[in-house]
Amino acid sequence: MSPVALLPLAALAGATAIAGFLFGRAYFAMLRWTVASFAARQGWFGPLALTLGRIAAAVVLFAIAARLGAAALLAAFLGFLVARAVAVGAARRAGG
């Protein structure tokens, strides 16, 4: 492959990595809301809806990335993992 042929692959991987990161930020924010709802004993319907919504959105995102190819799927997952690291670091700094 020539460098010109690799450019669209790199652009696709970069775009899906950014999409994975942004999705991951939203995913882990919803996870935090779910945990807060459980901890506050606010019922079961809200946390259940957030959990099912998170899982469904993750399935859709990663299915789309998989249809775009292995590089796109890997990049989206790496972006998601970076978002997880950011969320864990923020939770540790906040004290819980």
PDB file of N, CA and C in Angstrom:
ATOM      1  N   MET A   1       0.829  -1.185   0.000  1.00  0.00           N
ATOM      2  CA  MET A   1       0.000   0.000   0.000  1.00  0.00           C
ATOM      3  C   MET A   1       0.871   1.246   0.000  1.00  0.00           C
ATOM      4  N   SER A   2       0.443   2.207  -0.722  1.00  0.00           N
ATOM      5  CA  SER A   2       1.173   3.468  -0.750  1.00  0.00           C
ATOM      6  C   SER A   2       0.725   4.337   0.425  1.00  0.00           C
ATOM      7  N   PRO A   3       1.532   5.334   0.785  1.00  0.00           N
ATOM      8  CA  PRO A   3       1.136   6.228   1.887  1.00  0.00           C
ATOM      9  C   PRO A   3      -0.179   6.943   1.624  1.00  0.00           C
ATOM     10  N   VAL A   4      -0.472   7.225   0.356  1.00  0.00           N
ATOM     11  CA  VAL A   4      -1.729   7.900   0.022  1.00  0.00           C
ATOM     12  C   VAL A   4      -2.907   6.976   0.297  1.00  0.00           C
ATOM     13  N   ALA A   5      -2.748   5.688   0.055  1.00  0.00           N
ATOM     14  CA  ALA A   5      -3.824   4.735   0.312  1.00  0.00           C
ATOM     15  C   ALA A   5      -4.053   4.547   1.804  1.00  0.00           C
ATOM     16  N   LEU A   6      -3.026   4.740   2.603  1.00  0.00           N
ATOM     17  CA  LEU A   6      -3.170   4.584   4.049  1.00  0.00           C
ATOM     18  C   LEU A   6      -3.812   5.793   4.712  1.00  0.00           C
ATOM     19  N   LEU A   7      -3.811   6.933   4.044  1.00  0.00           N
ATOM     20  CA  LEU A   7      -4.370   8.147   4.637  1.00  0.00           C
ATOM     21  C   LEU A   7      -5.845   7.997   4.992  1.00  0.00           C
ATOM     22  N   PRO A   8      -6.686   7.494   4.100  1.00  0.00           N
ATOM     23  CA  PRO A   8      -8.090   7.330   4.505  1.00  0.00           C
ATOM     24  C   PRO A   8      -8.250   6.363   5.682  1.00  0.00           C
ATOM     25  N   LEU A   9      -7.418   5.317   5.740  1.00  0.00           N
ATOM     26  CA  LEU A   9      -7.475   4.388   6.860  1.00  0.00           C
ATOM     27  C   LEU A   9      -7.092   5.090   8.154  1.00  0.00           C
ATOM     28  N   ALA A  10      -6.061   5.915   8.105  1.00  0.00           N
ATOM     29  CA  ALA A  10      -5.640   6.661   9.296  1.00  0.00           C
ATOM     30  C   ALA A  10      -6.709   7.667   9.708  1.00  0.00           C
ATOM     31  N   ALA A  11      -7.327   8.326   8.752  1.00  0.00           N
ATOM     32  CA  ALA A  11      -8.390   9.287   9.061  1.00  0.00           C
ATOM     33  C   ALA A  11      -9.597   8.577   9.670  1.00  0.00           C
ATOM     34  N   LEU A  12      -9.942   7.415   9.132  1.00  0.00           N
ATOM     35  CA  LEU A  12     -11.055   6.638   9.676  1.00  0.00           C
ATOM     36  C   LEU A  12     -10.745   6.174  11.098  1.00  0.00           C
ATOM     37  N   ALA A  13      -9.529   5.697  11.304  1.00  0.00           N
ATOM     38  CA  ALA A  13      -9.138   5.248  12.639  1.00  0.00           C
ATOM     39  C   ALA A  13      -9.143   6.419  13.625  1.00  0.00           C
ATOM     40  N   GLY A  14      -8.659   7.558  13.206  1.00  0.00           N
ATOM     41  CA  GLY A  14      -8.666   8.735  14.078  1.00  0.00           C
ATOM     42  C   GLY A  14     -10.077   9.180  14.416  1.00  0.00           C
ATOM     43  N   ALA A  15     -10.946   9.170  13.418  1.00  0.00           N
ATOM     44  CA  ALA A  15     -12.337   9.581  13.660  1.00  0.00           C
ATOM     45  C   ALA A  15     -13.045   8.612  14.593  1.00  0.00           C
ATOM     46  N   THR A  16     -12.817   7.322  14.408  1.00  0.00           N
ATOM     47  CA  THR A  16     -13.486   6.360  15.289  1.00  0.00           C
ATOM     48  C   THR A  16     -12.875   6.368  16.690  1.00  0.00           C
ATOM     49  N   ALA A  17     -11.596   6.695  16.804  1.00  0.00           N
ATOM     50  CA  ALA A  17     -10.996   6.823  18.138  1.00  0.00           C
ATOM     51  C   ALA A  17     -11.626   7.999  18.883  1.00  0.00           C
ATOM     52  N   ILE A  18     -11.829   9.097  18.197  1.00  0.00           N
ATOM     53  CA  ILE A  18     -12.476  10.259  18.810  1.00  0.00           C
ATOM     54  C   ILE A  18     -13.924   9.921  19.172  1.00  0.00           C
ATOM     55  N   ALA A  19     -14.623   9.231  18.271  1.00  0.00           N
ATOM     56  CA  ALA A  19     -15.999   8.829  18.557  1.00  0.00           C
ATOM     57  C   ALA A  19     -16.053   7.885  19.762  1.00  0.00           C
ATOM     58  N   GLY A  20     -15.111   6.963  19.835  1.00  0.00           N
ATOM     59  CA  GLY A  20     -15.052   6.056  20.978  1.00  0.00           C
ATOM     60  C   GLY A  20     -14.785   6.796  22.273  1.00  0.00           C
ATOM     61  N   PHE A  21     -13.904   7.790  22.220  1.00  0.00           N
ATOM     62  CA  PHE A  21     -13.610   8.581  23.413  1.00  0.00           C
ATOM     63  C   PHE A  21     -14.841   9.374  23.861  1.00  0.00           C
ATOM     64  N   LEU A  22     -15.488  10.051  22.923  1.00  0.00           N
ATOM     65  CA  LEU A  22     -16.665  10.850  23.275  1.00  0.00           C
ATOM     66  C   LEU A  22     -17.793   9.966  23.791  1.00  0.00           C
ATOM     67  N   PHE A  23     -17.988   8.820  23.132  1.00  0.00           N
ATOM     68  CA  PHE A  23     -18.995   7.887  23.612  1.00  0.00           C
ATOM     69  C   PHE A  23     -18.629   7.378  25.007  1.00  0.00           C
ATOM     70  N   GLY A  24     -17.366   7.070  25.210  1.00  0.00           N
ATOM     71  CA  GLY A  24     -16.919   6.587  26.511  1.00  0.00           C
ATOM     72  C   GLY A  24     -17.162   7.600  27.615  1.00  0.00           C
ATOM     73  N   ARG A  25     -16.930   8.869  27.319  1.00  0.00           N
ATOM     74  CA  ARG A  25     -17.194   9.914  28.325  1.00  0.00           C
ATOM     75  C   ARG A  25     -18.667   9.908  28.719  1.00  0.00           C
ATOM     76  N   ALA A  26     -19.558   9.822  27.726  1.00  0.00           N
ATOM     77  CA  ALA A  26     -20.995   9.780  28.017  1.00  0.00           C
ATOM     78  C   ALA A  26     -21.362   8.488  28.746  1.00  0.00           C
ATOM     79  N   TYR A  27     -20.777   7.381  28.336  1.00  0.00           N
ATOM     80  CA  TYR A  27     -21.055   6.079  28.948  1.00  0.00           C
ATOM     81  C   TYR A  27     -20.704   6.090  30.431  1.00  0.00           C
ATOM     82  N   PHE A  28     -19.522   6.575  30.756  1.00  0.00           N
ATOM     83  CA  PHE A  28     -19.100   6.558  32.149  1.00  0.00           C
ATOM     84  C   PHE A  28     -19.793   7.637  32.981  1.00  0.00           C
ATOM     85  N   ALA A  29     -20.262   8.703  32.354  1.00  0.00           N
ATOM     86  CA  ALA A  29     -21.095   9.675  33.073  1.00  0.00           C
ATOM     87  C   ALA A  29     -22.433   9.031  33.433  1.00  0.00           C
ATOM     88  N   MET A  30     -23.018   8.289  32.483  1.00  0.00           N
ATOM     89  CA  MET A  30     -24.267   7.583  32.772  1.00  0.00           C
ATOM     90  C   MET A  30     -24.060   6.508  33.835  1.00  0.00           C
ATOM     91  N   LEU A  31     -22.910   5.861  33.814  1.00  0.00           N
ATOM     92  CA  LEU A  31     -22.607   4.861  34.834  1.00  0.00           C
ATOM     93  C   LEU A  31     -22.546   5.509  36.216  1.00  0.00           C
ATOM     94  N   ARG A  32     -21.949   6.676  36.277  1.00  0.00           N
ATOM     95  CA  ARG A  32     -21.867   7.397  37.558  1.00  0.00           C
ATOM     96  C   ARG A  32     -23.267   7.770  38.053  1.00  0.00           C
ATOM     97  N   TRP A  33     -24.138   8.224  37.137  1.00  0.00           N
ATOM     98  CA  TRP A  33     -25.516   8.546  37.517  1.00  0.00           C
ATOM     99  C   TRP A  33     -26.249   7.295  38.004  1.00  0.00           C
ATOM    100  N   THR A  34     -26.002   6.169  37.352  1.00  0.00           N
ATOM    101  CA  THR A  34     -26.640   4.920  37.761  1.00  0.00           C
ATOM    102  C   THR A  34     -26.224   4.542  39.178  1.00  0.00           C
ATOM    103  N   VAL A  35     -24.937   4.618  39.449  1.00  0.00           N
ATOM    104  CA  VAL A  35     -24.437   4.278  40.781  1.00  0.00           C
ATOM    105  C   VAL A  35     -24.998   5.248  41.819  1.00  0.00           C
ATOM    106  N   ALA A  36     -25.047   6.524  41.483  1.00  0.00           N
ATOM    107  CA  ALA A  36     -25.606   7.510  42.419  1.00  0.00           C
ATOM    108  C   ALA A  36     -27.083   7.231  42.688  1.00  0.00           C
ATOM    109  N   SER A  37     -27.817   6.819  41.665  1.00  0.00           N
ATOM    110  CA  SER A  37     -29.238   6.485  41.855  1.00  0.00           C
ATOM    111  C   SER A  37     -29.407   5.278  42.763  1.00  0.00           C
ATOM    112  N   PHE A  38     -28.581   4.257  42.552  1.00  0.00           N
ATOM    113  CA  PHE A  38     -28.630   3.090  43.429  1.00  0.00           C
ATOM    114  C   PHE A  38     -28.268   3.461  44.860  1.00  0.00           C
ATOM    115  N   ALA A  39     -27.237   4.256  45.026  1.00  0.00           N
ATOM    116  CA  ALA A  39     -26.781   4.638  46.364  1.00  0.00           C
ATOM    117  C   ALA A  39     -27.822   5.481  47.090  1.00  0.00           C
ATOM    118  N   ALA A  40     -28.555   6.304  46.351  1.00  0.00           N
ATOM    119  CA  ALA A  40     -29.583   7.152  46.953  1.00  0.00           C
ATOM    120  C   ALA A  40     -30.906   6.412  47.132  1.00  0.00           C
ATOM    121  N   ARG A  41     -30.958   5.163  46.700  1.00  0.00           N
ATOM    122  CA  ARG A  41     -32.164   4.331  46.803  1.00  0.00           C
ATOM    123  C   ARG A  41     -33.368   5.035  46.196  1.00  0.00           C
ATOM    124  N   GLN A  42     -33.215   5.464  44.943  1.00  0.00           N
ATOM    125  CA  GLN A  42     -34.270   6.200  44.245  1.00  0.00           C
ATOM    126  C   GLN A  42     -35.150   5.279  43.400  1.00  0.00           C
ATOM    127  N   GLY A  43     -35.199   4.034  43.709  1.00  0.00           N
ATOM    128  CA  GLY A  43     -36.005   3.107  42.926  1.00  0.00           C
ATOM    129  C   GLY A  43     -35.135   2.320  41.973  1.00  0.00           C
ATOM    130  N   TRP A  44     -35.776   1.489  41.183  1.00  0.00           N
ATOM    131  CA  TRP A  44     -35.018   0.617  40.293  1.00  0.00           C
ATOM    132  C   TRP A  44     -35.205   0.965  38.830  1.00  0.00           C
ATOM    133  N   PHE A  45     -36.280   1.692  38.478  1.00  0.00           N
ATOM    134  CA  PHE A  45     -36.549   1.926  37.061  1.00  0.00           C
ATOM    135  C   PHE A  45     -35.509   2.836  36.409  1.00  0.00           C
ATOM    136  N   GLY A  46     -35.121   3.909  37.058  1.00  0.00           N
ATOM    137  CA  GLY A  46     -34.123   4.833  36.496  1.00  0.00           C
ATOM    138  C   GLY A  46     -32.779   4.170  36.252  1.00  0.00           C
ATOM    139  N   PRO A  47     -32.224   3.497  37.260  1.00  0.00           N
ATOM    140  CA  PRO A  47     -30.954   2.799  37.033  1.00  0.00           C
ATOM    141  C   PRO A  47     -31.053   1.707  35.969  1.00  0.00           C
ATOM    142  N   LEU A  48     -32.192   1.004  35.927  1.00  0.00           N
ATOM    143  CA  LEU A  48     -32.366  -0.032  34.907  1.00  0.00           C
ATOM    144  C   LEU A  48     -32.392   0.587  33.514  1.00  0.00           C
ATOM    145  N   ALA A  49     -33.113   1.692  33.357  1.00  0.00           N
ATOM    146  CA  ALA A  49     -33.178   2.359  32.057  1.00  0.00           C
ATOM    147  C   ALA A  49     -31.801   2.867  31.627  1.00  0.00           C
ATOM    148  N   LEU A  50     -31.051   3.451  32.560  1.00  0.00           N
ATOM    149  CA  LEU A  50     -29.705   3.922  32.226  1.00  0.00           C
ATOM    150  C   LEU A  50     -28.795   2.763  31.841  1.00  0.00           C
ATOM    151  N   THR A  51     -28.894   1.652  32.549  1.00  0.00           N
ATOM    152  CA  THR A  51     -28.056   0.498  32.245  1.00  0.00           C
ATOM    153  C   THR A  51     -28.385  -0.071  30.869  1.00  0.00           C
ATOM    154  N   LEU A  52     -29.664  -0.267  30.589  1.00  0.00           N
ATOM    155  CA  LEU A  52     -30.056  -0.804  29.280  1.00  0.00           C
ATOM    156  C   LEU A  52     -29.697   0.158  28.151  1.00  0.00           C
ATOM    157  N   GLY A  53     -29.846   1.455  28.403  1.00  0.00           N
ATOM    158  CA  GLY A  53     -29.466   2.449  27.401  1.00  0.00           C
ATOM    159  C   GLY A  53     -27.975   2.444  27.121  1.00  0.00           C
ATOM    160  N   ARG A  54     -27.168   2.335  28.175  1.00  0.00           N
ATOM    161  CA  ARG A  54     -25.711   2.268  28.000  1.00  0.00           C
ATOM    162  C   ARG A  54     -25.310   1.055  27.183  1.00  0.00           C
ATOM    163  N   ILE A  55     -25.863  -0.093  27.536  1.00  0.00           N
ATOM    164  CA  ILE A  55     -25.499  -1.329  26.837  1.00  0.00           C
ATOM    165  C   ILE A  55     -25.933  -1.270  25.377  1.00  0.00           C
ATOM    166  N   ALA A  56     -27.146  -0.806  25.131  1.00  0.00           N
ATOM    167  CA  ALA A  56     -27.636  -0.720  23.754  1.00  0.00           C
ATOM    168  C   ALA A  56     -26.794   0.248  22.927  1.00  0.00           C
ATOM    169  N   ALA A  57     -26.444   1.383  23.508  1.00  0.00           N
ATOM    170  CA  ALA A  57     -25.624   2.355  22.781  1.00  0.00           C
ATOM    171  C   ALA A  57     -24.237   1.791  22.488  1.00  0.00           C
ATOM    172  N   ALA A  58     -23.668   1.048  23.432  1.00  0.00           N
ATOM    173  CA  ALA A  58     -22.352   0.441  23.212  1.00  0.00           C
ATOM    174  C   ALA A  58     -22.420  -0.589  22.083  1.00  0.00           C
ATOM    175  N   VAL A  59     -23.465  -1.384  22.071  1.00  0.00           N
ATOM    176  CA  VAL A  59     -23.626  -2.385  21.003  1.00  0.00           C
ATOM    177  C   VAL A  59     -23.708  -1.692  19.651  1.00  0.00           C
ATOM    178  N   VAL A  60     -24.481  -0.626  19.571  1.00  0.00           N
ATOM    179  CA  VAL A  60     -24.626   0.099  18.300  1.00  0.00           C
ATOM    180  C   VAL A  60     -23.299   0.712  17.866  1.00  0.00           C
ATOM    181  N   LEU A  61     -22.613   1.389  18.778  1.00  0.00           N
ATOM    182  CA  LEU A  61     -21.340   2.031  18.423  1.00  0.00           C
ATOM    183  C   LEU A  61     -20.327   1.010  17.923  1.00  0.00           C
ATOM    184  N   PHE A  62     -20.145  -0.066  18.675  1.00  0.00           N
ATOM    185  CA  PHE A  62     -19.120  -1.028  18.297  1.00  0.00           C
ATOM    186  C   PHE A  62     -19.540  -1.857  17.080  1.00  0.00           C
ATOM    187  N   ALA A  63     -20.824  -2.039  16.857  1.00  0.00           N
ATOM    188  CA  ALA A  63     -21.277  -2.719  15.632  1.00  0.00           C
ATOM    189  C   ALA A  63     -20.987  -1.861  14.403  1.00  0.00           C
ATOM    190  N   ILE A  64     -21.235  -0.567  14.518  1.00  0.00           N
ATOM    191  CA  ILE A  64     -20.924   0.333  13.396  1.00  0.00           C
ATOM    192  C   ILE A  64     -19.427   0.343  13.139  1.00  0.00           C
ATOM    193  N   ALA A  65     -18.648   0.431  14.203  1.00  0.00           N
ATOM    194  CA  ALA A  65     -17.192   0.425  14.042  1.00  0.00           C
ATOM    195  C   ALA A  65     -16.713  -0.885  13.425  1.00  0.00           C
ATOM    196  N   ALA A  66     -17.311  -1.995  13.816  1.00  0.00           N
ATOM    197  CA  ALA A  66     -16.921  -3.293  13.256  1.00  0.00           C
ATOM    198  C   ALA A  66     -17.238  -3.363  11.769  1.00  0.00           C
ATOM    199  N   ARG A  67     -18.341  -2.770  11.355  1.00  0.00           N
ATOM    200  CA  ARG A  67     -18.693  -2.759   9.924  1.00  0.00           C
ATOM    201  C   ARG A  67     -17.709  -1.915   9.123  1.00  0.00           C
ATOM    202  N   LEU A  68     -17.067  -0.953   9.788  1.00  0.00           N
ATOM    203  CA  LEU A  68     -16.079  -0.117   9.109  1.00  0.00           C
ATOM    204  C   LEU A  68     -14.718  -0.797   8.993  1.00  0.00           C
ATOM    205  N   GLY A  69     -14.516  -1.871   9.745  1.00  0.00           N
ATOM    206  CA  GLY A  69     -13.267  -2.615   9.644  1.00  0.00           C
ATOM    207  C   GLY A  69     -12.582  -2.792  10.980  1.00  0.00           C
ATOM    208  N   ALA A  70     -11.569  -3.653  10.965  1.00  0.00           N
ATOM    209  CA  ALA A  70     -10.860  -3.984  12.199  1.00  0.00           C
ATOM    210  C   ALA A  70     -10.134  -2.768  12.781  1.00  0.00           C
ATOM    211  N   ALA A  71      -9.528  -1.959  11.926  1.00  0.00           N
ATOM    212  CA  ALA A  71      -8.804  -0.785  12.419  1.00  0.00           C
ATOM    213  C   ALA A  71      -9.764   0.195  13.094  1.00  0.00           C
ATOM    214  N   ALA A  72     -10.927   0.381  12.505  1.00  0.00           N
ATOM    215  CA  ALA A  72     -11.915   1.291  13.090  1.00  0.00           C
ATOM    216  C   ALA A  72     -12.432   0.750  14.418  1.00  0.00           C
ATOM    217  N   LEU A  73     -12.672  -0.552  14.489  1.00  0.00           N
ATOM    218  CA  LEU A  73     -13.140  -1.157  15.732  1.00  0.00           C
ATOM    219  C   LEU A  73     -12.087  -1.029  16.831  1.00  0.00           C
ATOM    220  N   LEU A  74     -10.860  -1.319  16.492  1.00  0.00           N
ATOM    221  CA  LEU A  74      -9.780  -1.213  17.476  1.00  0.00           C
ATOM    222  C   LEU A  74      -9.602   0.231  17.940  1.00  0.00           C
ATOM    223  N   ALA A  75      -9.654   1.157  17.012  1.00  0.00           N
ATOM    224  CA  ALA A  75      -9.493   2.570  17.371  1.00  0.00           C
ATOM    225  C   ALA A  75     -10.643   3.041  18.263  1.00  0.00           C
ATOM    226  N   ALA A  76     -11.872   2.633  17.950  1.00  0.00           N
ATOM    227  CA  ALA A  76     -13.013   3.016  18.776  1.00  0.00           C
ATOM    228  C   ALA A  76     -12.868   2.443  20.177  1.00  0.00           C
ATOM    229  N   PHE A  77     -12.417   1.201  20.277  1.00  0.00           N
ATOM    230  CA  PHE A  77     -12.240   0.584  21.578  1.00  0.00           C
ATOM    231  C   PHE A  77     -11.119   1.259  22.367  1.00  0.00           C
ATOM    232  N   LEU A  78     -10.042   1.619  21.687  1.00  0.00           N
ATOM    233  CA  LEU A  78      -8.954   2.326  22.372  1.00  0.00           C
ATOM    234  C   LEU A  78      -9.420   3.689  22.875  1.00  0.00           C
ATOM    235  N   GLY A  79     -10.210   4.400  22.075  1.00  0.00           N
ATOM    236  CA  GLY A  79     -10.779   5.666  22.526  1.00  0.00           C
ATOM    237  C   GLY A  79     -11.671   5.478  23.739  1.00  0.00           C
ATOM    238  N   PHE A  80     -12.459   4.402  23.741  1.00  0.00           N
ATOM    239  CA  PHE A  80     -13.320   4.069  24.868  1.00  0.00           C
ATOM    240  C   PHE A  80     -12.484   3.784  26.118  1.00  0.00           C
ATOM    241  N   LEU A  81     -11.381   3.065  25.964  1.00  0.00           N
ATOM    242  CA  LEU A  81     -10.513   2.763  27.098  1.00  0.00           C
ATOM    243  C   LEU A  81      -9.838   4.013  27.656  1.00  0.00           C
ATOM    244  N   VAL A  82      -9.481   4.941  26.782  1.00  0.00           N
ATOM    245  CA  VAL A  82      -8.903   6.206  27.253  1.00  0.00           C
ATOM    246  C   VAL A  82      -9.955   6.979  28.060  1.00  0.00           C
ATOM    247  N   ALA A  83     -11.195   6.971  27.592  1.00  0.00           N
ATOM    248  CA  ALA A  83     -12.275   7.634  28.340  1.00  0.00           C
ATOM    249  C   ALA A  83     -12.472   6.974  29.693  1.00  0.00           C
ATOM    250  N   ARG A  84     -12.335   5.657  29.759  1.00  0.00           N
ATOM    251  CA  ARG A  84     -12.438   4.952  31.031  1.00  0.00           C
ATOM    252  C   ARG A  84     -11.331   5.398  31.977  1.00  0.00           C
ATOM    253  N   ALA A  85     -10.120   5.501  31.461  1.00  0.00           N
ATOM    254  CA  ALA A  85      -9.007   5.938  32.304  1.00  0.00           C
ATOM    255  C   ALA A  85      -9.247   7.354  32.821  1.00  0.00           C
ATOM    256  N   VAL A  86      -9.771   8.228  31.989  1.00  0.00           N
ATOM    257  CA  VAL A  86     -10.072   9.597  32.407  1.00  0.00           C
ATOM    258  C   VAL A  86     -11.147   9.586  33.493  1.00  0.00           C
ATOM    259  N   ALA A  87     -12.196   8.768  33.320  1.00  0.00           N
ATOM    260  CA  ALA A  87     -13.277   8.700  34.295  1.00  0.00           C
ATOM    261  C   ALA A  87     -12.794   8.135  35.626  1.00  0.00           C
ATOM    262  N   VAL A  88     -11.963   7.110  35.588  1.00  0.00           N
ATOM    263  CA  VAL A  88     -11.430   6.534  36.826  1.00  0.00           C
ATOM    264  C   VAL A  88     -10.538   7.544  37.528  1.00  0.00           C
ATOM    265  N   GLY A  89      -9.711   8.240  36.781  1.00  0.00           N
ATOM    266  CA  GLY A  89      -8.846   9.261  37.378  1.00  0.00           C
ATOM    267  C   GLY A  89      -9.654  10.385  38.011  1.00  0.00           C
ATOM    268  N   ALA A  90     -10.721  10.804  37.344  1.00  0.00           N
ATOM    269  CA  ALA A  90     -11.569  11.871  37.901  1.00  0.00           C
ATOM    270  C   ALA A  90     -12.273  11.391  39.164  1.00  0.00           C
ATOM    271  N   ALA A  91     -12.720  10.146  39.178  1.00  0.00           N
ATOM    272  CA  ALA A  91     -13.380   9.607  40.366  1.00  0.00           C
ATOM    273  C   ALA A  91     -12.406   9.508  41.535  1.00  0.00           C
ATOM    274  N   ARG A  92     -11.176   9.132  41.258  1.00  0.00           N
ATOM    275  CA  ARG A  92     -10.186   9.055  42.326  1.00  0.00           C
ATOM    276  C   ARG A  92      -9.855  10.433  42.887  1.00  0.00           C
ATOM    277  N   ARG A  93      -9.748  11.419  42.003  1.00  0.00           N
ATOM    278  CA  ARG A  93      -9.456  12.781  42.466  1.00  0.00           C
ATOM    279  C   ARG A  93     -10.611  13.346  43.278  1.00  0.00           C
ATOM    280  N   ALA A  94     -11.839  12.948  42.917  1.00  0.00           N
ATOM    281  CA  ALA A  94     -13.024  13.440  43.628  1.00  0.00           C
ATOM    282  C   ALA A  94     -13.230  12.715  44.957  1.00  0.00           C
ATOM    283  N   GLY A  95     -12.479  11.647  45.163  1.00  0.00           N
ATOM    284  CA  GLY A  95     -12.569  10.944  46.434  1.00  0.00           C
ATOM    285  C   GLY A  95     -13.597   9.843  46.460  1.00  0.00           C
ATOM    286  N   GLY A  96     -13.908   9.311  45.301  1.00  0.00           N
ATOM    287  CA  GLY A  96     -14.839   8.181  45.358  1.00  0.00           C
ATOM    288  C   GLY A  96     -15.624   8.086  44.149  1.00  0.00           C
TER     289      GLY A  96
END
